[in-house]
N, C-alpha and C. Protein backbone atom coordinates (compact mmCIF):
# COMPACT_ATOMS: atom_id res chain seq x y z
N MET A 1 -12.38 -18.52 -27.85
CA MET A 1 -12.32 -17.30 -27.06
C MET A 1 -11.75 -17.57 -25.66
N VAL A 2 -12.15 -18.71 -25.10
CA VAL A 2 -11.67 -19.04 -23.76
C VAL A 2 -10.16 -19.26 -23.78
N GLN A 3 -9.69 -20.01 -24.79
CA GLN A 3 -8.26 -20.27 -24.90
C GLN A 3 -7.48 -18.97 -25.13
N GLN A 4 -8.06 -18.08 -25.94
CA GLN A 4 -7.40 -16.80 -26.20
C GLN A 4 -7.30 -15.98 -24.92
N ALA A 5 -8.36 -15.99 -24.13
CA ALA A 5 -8.35 -15.26 -22.86
C ALA A 5 -7.30 -15.84 -21.91
N LYS A 6 -7.17 -17.18 -21.91
CA LYS A 6 -6.18 -17.81 -21.05
C LYS A 6 -4.76 -17.44 -21.49
N ARG A 7 -4.54 -17.45 -22.82
CA ARG A 7 -3.22 -17.09 -23.33
C ARG A 7 -2.89 -15.64 -23.00
N SER A 8 -3.91 -14.77 -23.12
CA SER A 8 -3.70 -13.36 -22.81
C SER A 8 -3.36 -13.18 -21.34
N ALA A 9 -4.09 -13.87 -20.46
CA ALA A 9 -3.83 -13.77 -19.02
C ALA A 9 -2.45 -14.30 -18.68
N THR A 10 -2.04 -15.37 -19.35
CA THR A 10 -0.71 -15.93 -19.12
C THR A 10 0.37 -14.94 -19.54
N THR A 11 0.16 -14.29 -20.69
CA THR A 11 1.13 -13.31 -21.17
C THR A 11 1.22 -12.12 -20.23
N VAL A 12 0.09 -11.60 -19.80
CA VAL A 12 0.09 -10.48 -18.87
C VAL A 12 0.78 -10.87 -17.57
N GLY A 13 0.52 -12.07 -17.09
CA GLY A 13 1.17 -12.54 -15.87
C GLY A 13 2.68 -12.59 -16.02
N ALA A 14 3.14 -13.06 -17.19
CA ALA A 14 4.58 -13.12 -17.44
C ALA A 14 5.19 -11.72 -17.51
N ILE A 15 4.47 -10.79 -18.13
CA ILE A 15 4.95 -9.41 -18.21
C ILE A 15 5.08 -8.80 -16.82
N LEU A 16 4.06 -8.98 -16.00
CA LEU A 16 4.07 -8.38 -14.67
C LEU A 16 5.13 -9.03 -13.77
N ALA A 17 5.31 -10.35 -13.91
CA ALA A 17 6.35 -11.02 -13.11
C ALA A 17 7.73 -10.53 -13.50
N SER A 18 7.97 -10.39 -14.79
CA SER A 18 9.25 -9.88 -15.26
C SER A 18 9.48 -8.45 -14.78
N ALA A 19 8.45 -7.62 -14.98
CA ALA A 19 8.58 -6.21 -14.60
C ALA A 19 8.77 -6.05 -13.10
N ARG A 20 8.06 -6.82 -12.33
CA ARG A 20 8.18 -6.72 -10.87
C ARG A 20 9.61 -7.00 -10.42
N GLN A 21 10.18 -8.09 -10.92
CA GLN A 21 11.55 -8.43 -10.54
C GLN A 21 12.53 -7.34 -10.96
N LEU A 22 12.36 -6.83 -12.18
CA LEU A 22 13.28 -5.82 -12.68
C LEU A 22 13.13 -4.49 -11.95
N PHE A 23 11.90 -4.06 -11.69
CA PHE A 23 11.68 -2.80 -10.98
C PHE A 23 12.24 -2.88 -9.57
N ILE A 24 12.10 -4.03 -8.92
CA ILE A 24 12.62 -4.19 -7.56
C ILE A 24 14.14 -4.19 -7.57
N GLU A 25 14.73 -4.88 -8.53
CA GLU A 25 16.19 -5.01 -8.57
C GLU A 25 16.88 -3.73 -9.04
N ARG A 26 16.30 -3.05 -10.04
CA ARG A 26 17.00 -1.94 -10.68
C ARG A 26 16.36 -0.57 -10.45
N GLY A 27 15.08 -0.54 -10.16
CA GLY A 27 14.37 0.74 -10.10
C GLY A 27 13.77 1.05 -11.46
N PHE A 28 12.72 1.87 -11.46
CA PHE A 28 11.96 2.15 -12.67
C PHE A 28 12.83 2.73 -13.79
N ALA A 29 13.65 3.70 -13.48
CA ALA A 29 14.40 4.42 -14.51
C ALA A 29 15.39 3.54 -15.25
N ALA A 30 15.90 2.51 -14.58
CA ALA A 30 16.94 1.67 -15.18
C ALA A 30 16.38 0.47 -15.93
N VAL A 31 15.07 0.38 -16.05
CA VAL A 31 14.43 -0.75 -16.73
C VAL A 31 13.78 -0.26 -18.02
N SER A 32 13.98 -0.98 -19.10
CA SER A 32 13.37 -0.63 -20.39
C SER A 32 12.26 -1.60 -20.75
N ILE A 33 11.45 -1.20 -21.70
CA ILE A 33 10.42 -2.09 -22.21
C ILE A 33 11.05 -3.36 -22.79
N ASP A 34 12.20 -3.19 -23.46
CA ASP A 34 12.91 -4.36 -24.01
C ASP A 34 13.31 -5.32 -22.90
N ASP A 35 13.77 -4.79 -21.78
CA ASP A 35 14.16 -5.63 -20.65
C ASP A 35 12.95 -6.45 -20.15
N ILE A 36 11.83 -5.77 -20.00
CA ILE A 36 10.62 -6.44 -19.49
C ILE A 36 10.16 -7.52 -20.45
N ALA A 37 10.12 -7.19 -21.75
CA ALA A 37 9.68 -8.15 -22.76
C ALA A 37 10.60 -9.37 -22.79
N ALA A 38 11.91 -9.12 -22.73
CA ALA A 38 12.86 -10.23 -22.74
C ALA A 38 12.67 -11.13 -21.53
N GLY A 39 12.46 -10.52 -20.37
CA GLY A 39 12.24 -11.31 -19.16
C GLY A 39 10.96 -12.12 -19.22
N ALA A 40 9.96 -11.61 -19.95
CA ALA A 40 8.68 -12.31 -20.09
C ALA A 40 8.72 -13.33 -21.21
N GLY A 41 9.78 -13.31 -22.02
CA GLY A 41 9.90 -14.25 -23.12
C GLY A 41 9.01 -13.93 -24.30
N ILE A 42 8.74 -12.63 -24.52
CA ILE A 42 7.89 -12.22 -25.63
C ILE A 42 8.57 -11.09 -26.40
N ALA A 43 8.04 -10.80 -27.59
CA ALA A 43 8.54 -9.67 -28.36
C ALA A 43 7.99 -8.38 -27.77
N LYS A 44 8.71 -7.29 -28.02
CA LYS A 44 8.26 -6.00 -27.49
C LYS A 44 6.85 -5.66 -27.97
N GLY A 45 6.55 -6.02 -29.22
CA GLY A 45 5.20 -5.76 -29.74
C GLY A 45 4.12 -6.48 -28.96
N GLY A 46 4.46 -7.67 -28.45
CA GLY A 46 3.50 -8.40 -27.63
C GLY A 46 3.19 -7.68 -26.33
N LEU A 47 4.19 -7.02 -25.79
CA LEU A 47 3.97 -6.24 -24.56
C LEU A 47 3.05 -5.05 -24.84
N TYR A 48 3.31 -4.38 -25.96
CA TYR A 48 2.50 -3.21 -26.30
C TYR A 48 1.06 -3.59 -26.64
N HIS A 49 0.82 -4.86 -26.93
CA HIS A 49 -0.55 -5.32 -27.16
C HIS A 49 -1.38 -5.22 -25.88
N HIS A 50 -0.70 -5.31 -24.73
CA HIS A 50 -1.41 -5.32 -23.45
C HIS A 50 -1.21 -4.03 -22.65
N PHE A 51 -0.11 -3.33 -22.86
CA PHE A 51 0.19 -2.11 -22.10
C PHE A 51 0.66 -1.03 -23.06
N ARG A 52 0.21 0.19 -22.83
CA ARG A 52 0.57 1.29 -23.72
C ARG A 52 2.00 1.76 -23.50
N ALA A 53 2.48 1.68 -22.26
CA ALA A 53 3.80 2.23 -21.94
C ALA A 53 4.34 1.59 -20.68
N LYS A 54 5.62 1.80 -20.41
CA LYS A 54 6.26 1.27 -19.20
C LYS A 54 5.56 1.79 -17.95
N HIS A 55 5.11 3.01 -18.00
CA HIS A 55 4.38 3.62 -16.88
C HIS A 55 3.17 2.77 -16.49
N ASP A 56 2.44 2.26 -17.49
CA ASP A 56 1.25 1.46 -17.22
C ASP A 56 1.61 0.10 -16.63
N VAL A 57 2.72 -0.47 -17.10
CA VAL A 57 3.20 -1.72 -16.52
C VAL A 57 3.55 -1.50 -15.05
N PHE A 58 4.25 -0.41 -14.77
CA PHE A 58 4.64 -0.11 -13.39
C PHE A 58 3.41 0.03 -12.50
N GLU A 59 2.40 0.74 -12.98
CA GLU A 59 1.19 0.93 -12.16
C GLU A 59 0.52 -0.40 -11.86
N ALA A 60 0.47 -1.29 -12.86
CA ALA A 60 -0.13 -2.60 -12.64
C ALA A 60 0.66 -3.41 -11.63
N VAL A 61 1.99 -3.33 -11.69
CA VAL A 61 2.84 -4.04 -10.74
C VAL A 61 2.63 -3.50 -9.33
N LEU A 62 2.64 -2.19 -9.18
CA LEU A 62 2.47 -1.58 -7.86
C LEU A 62 1.10 -1.93 -7.29
N ASP A 63 0.08 -1.88 -8.12
CA ASP A 63 -1.27 -2.22 -7.66
C ASP A 63 -1.32 -3.67 -7.17
N ALA A 64 -0.67 -4.57 -7.89
CA ALA A 64 -0.66 -5.98 -7.49
C ALA A 64 0.08 -6.18 -6.17
N VAL A 65 1.21 -5.49 -6.00
CA VAL A 65 1.98 -5.62 -4.76
C VAL A 65 1.17 -5.09 -3.58
N GLN A 66 0.54 -3.94 -3.75
CA GLN A 66 -0.27 -3.38 -2.67
C GLN A 66 -1.46 -4.28 -2.35
N ALA A 67 -2.03 -4.91 -3.38
CA ALA A 67 -3.14 -5.84 -3.16
C ALA A 67 -2.68 -7.03 -2.32
N GLU A 68 -1.47 -7.53 -2.59
CA GLU A 68 -0.93 -8.64 -1.81
C GLU A 68 -0.71 -8.24 -0.35
N LEU A 69 -0.14 -7.07 -0.14
CA LEU A 69 0.09 -6.60 1.24
C LEU A 69 -1.23 -6.38 1.96
N ALA A 70 -2.23 -5.86 1.25
CA ALA A 70 -3.55 -5.64 1.85
C ALA A 70 -4.21 -6.97 2.21
N ALA A 71 -4.04 -7.98 1.35
CA ALA A 71 -4.61 -9.30 1.64
C ALA A 71 -3.97 -9.90 2.88
N GLU A 72 -2.65 -9.73 3.01
CA GLU A 72 -1.95 -10.23 4.20
C GLU A 72 -2.45 -9.50 5.44
N LEU A 73 -2.66 -8.20 5.31
CA LEU A 73 -3.19 -7.42 6.43
C LEU A 73 -4.58 -7.91 6.82
N GLY A 74 -5.42 -8.16 5.81
CA GLY A 74 -6.77 -8.65 6.08
C GLY A 74 -6.76 -9.99 6.81
N THR A 75 -5.84 -10.85 6.43
CA THR A 75 -5.72 -12.15 7.09
C THR A 75 -5.32 -11.97 8.56
N ARG A 76 -4.39 -11.06 8.82
CA ARG A 76 -3.97 -10.82 10.21
C ARG A 76 -5.12 -10.26 11.03
N ILE A 77 -5.89 -9.37 10.43
CA ILE A 77 -7.02 -8.77 11.16
C ILE A 77 -8.04 -9.85 11.54
N GLN A 78 -8.29 -10.79 10.62
CA GLN A 78 -9.25 -11.85 10.90
C GLN A 78 -8.78 -12.77 12.02
N ARG A 79 -7.46 -12.84 12.22
CA ARG A 79 -6.91 -13.73 13.24
C ARG A 79 -6.85 -13.08 14.62
N ILE A 80 -7.12 -11.79 14.69
CA ILE A 80 -7.05 -11.08 15.98
C ILE A 80 -8.12 -11.63 16.92
N GLU A 81 -7.68 -12.01 18.10
CA GLU A 81 -8.61 -12.50 19.11
C GLU A 81 -9.10 -11.33 19.96
N GLY A 82 -10.41 -11.30 20.21
CA GLY A 82 -10.97 -10.21 21.00
C GLY A 82 -11.18 -8.97 20.15
N HIS A 83 -11.37 -7.84 20.81
CA HIS A 83 -11.67 -6.59 20.13
C HIS A 83 -10.42 -5.95 19.57
N ARG A 84 -10.60 -5.24 18.46
CA ARG A 84 -9.50 -4.44 17.93
C ARG A 84 -9.26 -3.26 18.86
N SER A 85 -8.03 -2.85 18.94
CA SER A 85 -7.63 -1.78 19.86
C SER A 85 -6.60 -0.91 19.17
N PRO A 86 -6.29 0.26 19.75
CA PRO A 86 -5.21 1.06 19.17
C PRO A 86 -3.92 0.27 19.02
N HIS A 87 -3.65 -0.61 19.98
CA HIS A 87 -2.42 -1.39 19.91
C HIS A 87 -2.45 -2.38 18.74
N THR A 88 -3.56 -3.10 18.56
CA THR A 88 -3.61 -4.07 17.47
C THR A 88 -3.57 -3.37 16.11
N ILE A 89 -4.21 -2.21 16.00
CA ILE A 89 -4.19 -1.47 14.74
C ILE A 89 -2.78 -0.98 14.45
N ALA A 90 -2.13 -0.40 15.47
CA ALA A 90 -0.76 0.09 15.29
C ALA A 90 0.20 -1.05 14.96
N THR A 91 -0.04 -2.21 15.55
CA THR A 91 0.81 -3.37 15.26
C THR A 91 0.68 -3.80 13.81
N ASN A 92 -0.55 -3.83 13.30
CA ASN A 92 -0.77 -4.18 11.90
C ASN A 92 -0.13 -3.15 10.97
N LEU A 93 -0.23 -1.89 11.34
CA LEU A 93 0.41 -0.85 10.54
C LEU A 93 1.93 -1.00 10.55
N ARG A 94 2.46 -1.39 11.71
CA ARG A 94 3.91 -1.60 11.81
C ARG A 94 4.35 -2.73 10.88
N ILE A 95 3.59 -3.81 10.87
CA ILE A 95 3.95 -4.95 10.01
C ILE A 95 3.89 -4.55 8.54
N TYR A 96 2.87 -3.75 8.17
CA TYR A 96 2.79 -3.27 6.79
C TYR A 96 3.99 -2.38 6.45
N LEU A 97 4.32 -1.44 7.33
CA LEU A 97 5.42 -0.53 7.06
C LEU A 97 6.76 -1.27 7.00
N GLU A 98 6.93 -2.28 7.84
CA GLU A 98 8.15 -3.07 7.79
C GLU A 98 8.27 -3.79 6.45
N ALA A 99 7.15 -4.29 5.95
CA ALA A 99 7.17 -4.96 4.63
C ALA A 99 7.46 -3.96 3.53
N ALA A 100 6.81 -2.80 3.58
CA ALA A 100 6.96 -1.80 2.52
C ALA A 100 8.35 -1.18 2.49
N THR A 101 9.05 -1.21 3.63
CA THR A 101 10.39 -0.61 3.69
C THR A 101 11.51 -1.62 3.48
N GLN A 102 11.15 -2.87 3.19
CA GLN A 102 12.18 -3.85 2.85
C GLN A 102 12.88 -3.42 1.56
N GLU A 103 14.15 -3.74 1.47
CA GLU A 103 14.90 -3.40 0.26
C GLU A 103 14.21 -4.02 -0.95
N GLY A 104 14.04 -3.27 -1.99
CA GLY A 104 13.32 -3.76 -3.17
C GLY A 104 11.92 -3.22 -3.17
N LEU A 105 11.10 -3.67 -2.23
CA LEU A 105 9.75 -3.13 -2.13
C LEU A 105 9.79 -1.65 -1.79
N ARG A 106 10.76 -1.25 -0.99
CA ARG A 106 10.89 0.17 -0.67
C ARG A 106 11.11 0.98 -1.95
N GLN A 107 11.96 0.50 -2.83
CA GLN A 107 12.20 1.19 -4.10
C GLN A 107 10.93 1.26 -4.92
N LEU A 108 10.21 0.16 -4.98
CA LEU A 108 9.01 0.09 -5.79
C LEU A 108 7.88 0.95 -5.24
N ILE A 109 7.59 0.77 -3.95
CA ILE A 109 6.41 1.40 -3.36
C ILE A 109 6.67 2.86 -2.95
N LEU A 110 7.80 3.09 -2.28
CA LEU A 110 8.00 4.37 -1.61
C LEU A 110 8.91 5.34 -2.34
N VAL A 111 9.79 4.83 -3.19
CA VAL A 111 10.70 5.71 -3.93
C VAL A 111 10.15 6.00 -5.32
N ASP A 112 9.97 4.94 -6.11
CA ASP A 112 9.49 5.14 -7.48
C ASP A 112 7.99 5.44 -7.55
N GLY A 113 7.21 4.82 -6.67
CA GLY A 113 5.76 4.95 -6.75
C GLY A 113 5.26 6.38 -6.85
N PRO A 114 5.56 7.23 -5.86
CA PRO A 114 5.07 8.61 -5.92
C PRO A 114 5.65 9.42 -7.07
N VAL A 115 6.89 9.11 -7.46
CA VAL A 115 7.54 9.86 -8.53
C VAL A 115 6.97 9.48 -9.89
N VAL A 116 6.84 8.19 -10.14
CA VAL A 116 6.37 7.71 -11.44
C VAL A 116 4.88 8.02 -11.65
N LEU A 117 4.08 7.77 -10.62
CA LEU A 117 2.64 7.91 -10.76
C LEU A 117 2.11 9.29 -10.35
N GLY A 118 2.89 10.01 -9.56
CA GLY A 118 2.39 11.25 -8.99
C GLY A 118 1.69 10.96 -7.67
N TRP A 119 1.71 11.96 -6.79
CA TRP A 119 1.19 11.77 -5.43
C TRP A 119 -0.26 11.32 -5.44
N GLU A 120 -1.12 11.95 -6.23
CA GLU A 120 -2.56 11.65 -6.18
C GLU A 120 -2.85 10.22 -6.62
N ARG A 121 -2.23 9.79 -7.70
CA ARG A 121 -2.49 8.43 -8.20
C ARG A 121 -1.88 7.39 -7.26
N TRP A 122 -0.70 7.68 -6.74
CA TRP A 122 -0.07 6.77 -5.78
C TRP A 122 -0.94 6.61 -4.55
N ARG A 123 -1.44 7.72 -4.02
CA ARG A 123 -2.33 7.65 -2.85
C ARG A 123 -3.62 6.94 -3.19
N GLY A 124 -4.10 7.11 -4.42
CA GLY A 124 -5.33 6.44 -4.83
C GLY A 124 -5.21 4.93 -4.74
N ILE A 125 -4.08 4.39 -5.18
CA ILE A 125 -3.85 2.94 -5.08
C ILE A 125 -3.79 2.53 -3.62
N ASP A 126 -3.06 3.29 -2.83
CA ASP A 126 -2.94 3.01 -1.41
C ASP A 126 -4.31 3.02 -0.73
N ASP A 127 -5.09 4.07 -1.01
CA ASP A 127 -6.41 4.18 -0.39
C ASP A 127 -7.33 3.05 -0.80
N ARG A 128 -7.27 2.65 -2.06
CA ARG A 128 -8.16 1.60 -2.56
C ARG A 128 -7.94 0.29 -1.82
N HIS A 129 -6.71 0.02 -1.45
CA HIS A 129 -6.40 -1.26 -0.81
C HIS A 129 -6.43 -1.23 0.72
N PHE A 130 -6.22 -0.05 1.31
CA PHE A 130 -6.06 -0.01 2.77
C PHE A 130 -7.08 0.85 3.51
N MET A 131 -7.81 1.70 2.80
CA MET A 131 -8.72 2.63 3.48
C MET A 131 -9.81 1.89 4.25
N ASP A 132 -10.36 0.83 3.69
CA ASP A 132 -11.44 0.11 4.37
C ASP A 132 -10.98 -0.51 5.69
N SER A 133 -9.76 -1.05 5.71
CA SER A 133 -9.28 -1.67 6.95
C SER A 133 -9.03 -0.61 8.01
N ILE A 134 -8.56 0.56 7.59
CA ILE A 134 -8.39 1.66 8.55
C ILE A 134 -9.75 2.10 9.08
N ARG A 135 -10.70 2.22 8.18
CA ARG A 135 -12.05 2.67 8.59
C ARG A 135 -12.69 1.69 9.56
N THR A 136 -12.62 0.39 9.28
CA THR A 136 -13.24 -0.59 10.17
C THR A 136 -12.54 -0.62 11.53
N GLY A 137 -11.23 -0.38 11.52
CA GLY A 137 -10.51 -0.32 12.78
C GLY A 137 -10.97 0.85 13.62
N LEU A 138 -11.17 1.99 12.98
CA LEU A 138 -11.62 3.18 13.72
C LEU A 138 -13.06 3.02 14.21
N VAL A 139 -13.90 2.39 13.42
CA VAL A 139 -15.27 2.12 13.87
C VAL A 139 -15.24 1.26 15.13
N ALA A 140 -14.29 0.32 15.18
CA ALA A 140 -14.20 -0.58 16.32
C ALA A 140 -13.72 0.12 17.60
N ILE A 141 -12.86 1.14 17.45
CA ILE A 141 -12.28 1.73 18.66
C ILE A 141 -12.93 3.05 19.06
N MET A 142 -13.56 3.77 18.13
CA MET A 142 -14.16 5.05 18.49
C MET A 142 -15.49 4.82 19.20
N PRO A 143 -15.91 5.76 20.04
CA PRO A 143 -17.13 5.57 20.82
C PRO A 143 -18.35 5.25 19.96
N ALA A 144 -19.20 4.37 20.47
CA ALA A 144 -20.44 4.05 19.77
C ALA A 144 -21.25 5.34 19.55
N GLY A 145 -21.83 5.46 18.39
CA GLY A 145 -22.62 6.64 18.09
C GLY A 145 -21.83 7.79 17.50
N THR A 146 -20.52 7.59 17.29
CA THR A 146 -19.73 8.63 16.63
C THR A 146 -20.30 8.89 15.25
N PRO A 147 -20.58 10.15 14.90
CA PRO A 147 -21.18 10.46 13.61
C PRO A 147 -20.33 9.95 12.44
N PRO A 148 -20.98 9.49 11.37
CA PRO A 148 -20.25 8.96 10.21
C PRO A 148 -19.22 9.94 9.63
N GLU A 149 -19.58 11.24 9.65
CA GLU A 149 -18.63 12.20 9.09
C GLU A 149 -17.36 12.31 9.92
N GLU A 150 -17.46 12.05 11.23
CA GLU A 150 -16.27 12.06 12.06
C GLU A 150 -15.43 10.80 11.83
N ILE A 151 -16.11 9.67 11.63
CA ILE A 151 -15.41 8.43 11.29
C ILE A 151 -14.64 8.62 9.99
N GLU A 152 -15.30 9.23 9.00
CA GLU A 152 -14.67 9.42 7.69
C GLU A 152 -13.49 10.38 7.80
N ALA A 153 -13.66 11.45 8.56
CA ALA A 153 -12.57 12.41 8.74
C ALA A 153 -11.38 11.75 9.44
N ALA A 154 -11.67 10.97 10.48
CA ALA A 154 -10.60 10.29 11.20
C ALA A 154 -9.90 9.28 10.30
N THR A 155 -10.66 8.60 9.45
CA THR A 155 -10.09 7.63 8.52
C THR A 155 -9.09 8.31 7.59
N ARG A 156 -9.46 9.46 7.06
CA ARG A 156 -8.57 10.17 6.14
C ARG A 156 -7.34 10.72 6.87
N LEU A 157 -7.53 11.16 8.10
CA LEU A 157 -6.39 11.65 8.87
C LEU A 157 -5.38 10.53 9.14
N ILE A 158 -5.87 9.37 9.55
CA ILE A 158 -4.96 8.26 9.84
C ILE A 158 -4.33 7.74 8.55
N ALA A 159 -5.12 7.64 7.48
CA ALA A 159 -4.56 7.17 6.20
C ALA A 159 -3.46 8.12 5.72
N GLY A 160 -3.69 9.41 5.87
CA GLY A 160 -2.67 10.38 5.48
C GLY A 160 -1.43 10.27 6.35
N ALA A 161 -1.64 10.05 7.64
CA ALA A 161 -0.50 9.90 8.55
C ALA A 161 0.31 8.65 8.19
N VAL A 162 -0.38 7.57 7.84
CA VAL A 162 0.32 6.34 7.48
C VAL A 162 1.11 6.54 6.18
N ALA A 163 0.51 7.23 5.21
CA ALA A 163 1.21 7.48 3.94
C ALA A 163 2.47 8.31 4.18
N GLU A 164 2.36 9.34 5.00
CA GLU A 164 3.53 10.17 5.30
C GLU A 164 4.57 9.37 6.09
N ALA A 165 4.10 8.54 7.00
CA ALA A 165 5.03 7.70 7.77
C ALA A 165 5.77 6.74 6.85
N ALA A 166 5.05 6.18 5.88
CA ALA A 166 5.68 5.25 4.94
C ALA A 166 6.80 5.94 4.15
N LEU A 167 6.53 7.14 3.67
CA LEU A 167 7.55 7.86 2.91
C LEU A 167 8.74 8.22 3.79
N ALA A 168 8.47 8.65 5.01
CA ALA A 168 9.56 9.01 5.93
C ALA A 168 10.39 7.78 6.27
N CYS A 169 9.73 6.66 6.52
CA CYS A 169 10.46 5.43 6.86
C CYS A 169 11.26 4.93 5.66
N GLY A 170 10.70 5.07 4.47
CA GLY A 170 11.39 4.64 3.27
C GLY A 170 12.65 5.44 3.01
N ALA A 171 12.66 6.70 3.43
CA ALA A 171 13.81 7.58 3.20
C ALA A 171 14.80 7.55 4.36
N ALA A 172 14.44 6.90 5.46
CA ALA A 172 15.29 6.91 6.66
C ALA A 172 16.53 6.03 6.49
N GLN A 173 17.61 6.42 7.17
CA GLN A 173 18.82 5.60 7.15
C GLN A 173 18.60 4.27 7.86
N ASP A 174 17.76 4.30 8.89
CA ASP A 174 17.41 3.08 9.62
C ASP A 174 15.89 2.92 9.54
N PRO A 175 15.37 2.30 8.46
CA PRO A 175 13.92 2.21 8.26
C PRO A 175 13.18 1.54 9.41
N LEU A 176 13.74 0.47 9.98
CA LEU A 176 13.05 -0.25 11.05
C LEU A 176 12.89 0.61 12.30
N ALA A 177 13.94 1.37 12.63
CA ALA A 177 13.83 2.28 13.78
C ALA A 177 12.79 3.35 13.52
N ALA A 178 12.75 3.85 12.28
CA ALA A 178 11.76 4.87 11.91
C ALA A 178 10.35 4.29 11.98
N VAL A 179 10.19 3.05 11.57
CA VAL A 179 8.87 2.39 11.65
C VAL A 179 8.42 2.31 13.11
N GLN A 180 9.31 1.90 13.99
CA GLN A 180 8.97 1.78 15.41
C GLN A 180 8.52 3.13 15.97
N LEU A 181 9.27 4.18 15.64
CA LEU A 181 8.95 5.52 16.13
C LEU A 181 7.58 5.97 15.63
N HIS A 182 7.36 5.87 14.33
CA HIS A 182 6.10 6.36 13.76
C HIS A 182 4.90 5.55 14.27
N CYS A 183 5.07 4.25 14.42
CA CYS A 183 3.94 3.44 14.88
C CYS A 183 3.63 3.69 16.35
N ARG A 184 4.65 4.00 17.13
CA ARG A 184 4.41 4.34 18.53
C ARG A 184 3.56 5.62 18.62
N LEU A 185 3.88 6.59 17.77
CA LEU A 185 3.11 7.83 17.76
C LEU A 185 1.73 7.64 17.15
N LEU A 186 1.63 6.77 16.14
CA LEU A 186 0.31 6.46 15.57
C LEU A 186 -0.59 5.82 16.61
N GLU A 187 -0.02 4.96 17.45
CA GLU A 187 -0.83 4.35 18.51
C GLU A 187 -1.33 5.41 19.49
N THR A 188 -0.51 6.38 19.77
CA THR A 188 -0.94 7.49 20.64
C THR A 188 -2.10 8.26 20.02
N MET A 189 -1.99 8.51 18.72
CA MET A 189 -3.07 9.19 18.01
C MET A 189 -4.36 8.36 18.06
N LEU A 190 -4.23 7.05 17.86
CA LEU A 190 -5.40 6.17 17.88
C LEU A 190 -6.03 6.13 19.28
N CYS A 191 -5.19 6.17 20.32
CA CYS A 191 -5.73 6.22 21.69
C CYS A 191 -6.55 7.48 21.90
N GLY A 192 -6.08 8.59 21.33
CA GLY A 192 -6.85 9.83 21.43
C GLY A 192 -8.19 9.71 20.75
N LEU A 193 -8.24 9.08 19.59
CA LEU A 193 -9.51 8.89 18.88
C LEU A 193 -10.42 7.94 19.66
N GLN A 194 -9.83 6.96 20.33
CA GLN A 194 -10.64 6.03 21.12
C GLN A 194 -11.34 6.75 22.26
N GLN A 195 -10.69 7.77 22.82
CA GLN A 195 -11.25 8.50 23.94
C GLN A 195 -12.11 9.69 23.51
N HIS A 196 -12.14 9.91 22.20
CA HIS A 196 -12.87 11.06 21.66
C HIS A 196 -14.36 10.91 21.92
N GLY A 197 -14.98 11.98 22.34
CA GLY A 197 -16.43 11.99 22.51
C GLY A 197 -17.05 12.95 21.52
N SER A 198 -18.18 12.59 20.96
CA SER A 198 -18.85 13.46 19.99
C SER A 198 -19.14 14.81 20.60
N GLY A 199 -18.74 15.84 19.88
CA GLY A 199 -19.01 17.19 20.32
C GLY A 199 -17.99 17.73 21.29
N SER A 200 -16.96 16.91 21.60
CA SER A 200 -15.94 17.39 22.54
C SER A 200 -15.01 18.36 21.82
N HIS A 201 -14.48 19.31 22.55
CA HIS A 201 -13.60 20.32 21.99
C HIS A 201 -12.43 20.53 22.93
N PRO A 202 -11.27 20.86 22.38
CA PRO A 202 -10.14 21.16 23.27
C PRO A 202 -10.40 22.44 24.03
N ASP A 203 -9.80 22.54 25.21
CA ASP A 203 -9.97 23.76 26.02
C ASP A 203 -9.25 24.92 25.37
């Protein structure tokens, strides 16, 4: 059983490695199950033993890529000296957006992702990997004693803003310039949350 599990894990790894390279190079629509199986060195039937359809392979690849980017983000956060601030949070978001808008990953994450999986499922993967880091950042910068429901609302607002920024940057003619613009404005938003007081209202 152990050997079978190892062989299965090896096969799945080969499938995902093949699919990742092909999806990045060609885009989802231009890749077939036969292409993925050939790249993994297995028969098409072997692929279907582990995945029901190309859509499921794509979701697994996207989830793995987002997990890698989230792990890199977590490592950067741990290396931050001193307290987290709007600037450090915006800087980390900038680094993530720059990675996500690189040629290849941009196609996978920002172009094909929402189309292939649908907005809700695409956001679900994004939230699963990045929501906690956004939440902990907001807890660090918002005033002590901020009610949990306000922390949660702010977390969803910033997560939504980052998702929209990612799509806009991915579609921009100059993605890096778009990243700089959006992150500058995100930092302004974060500064506003840092100064927010419970029960405060606009005039």
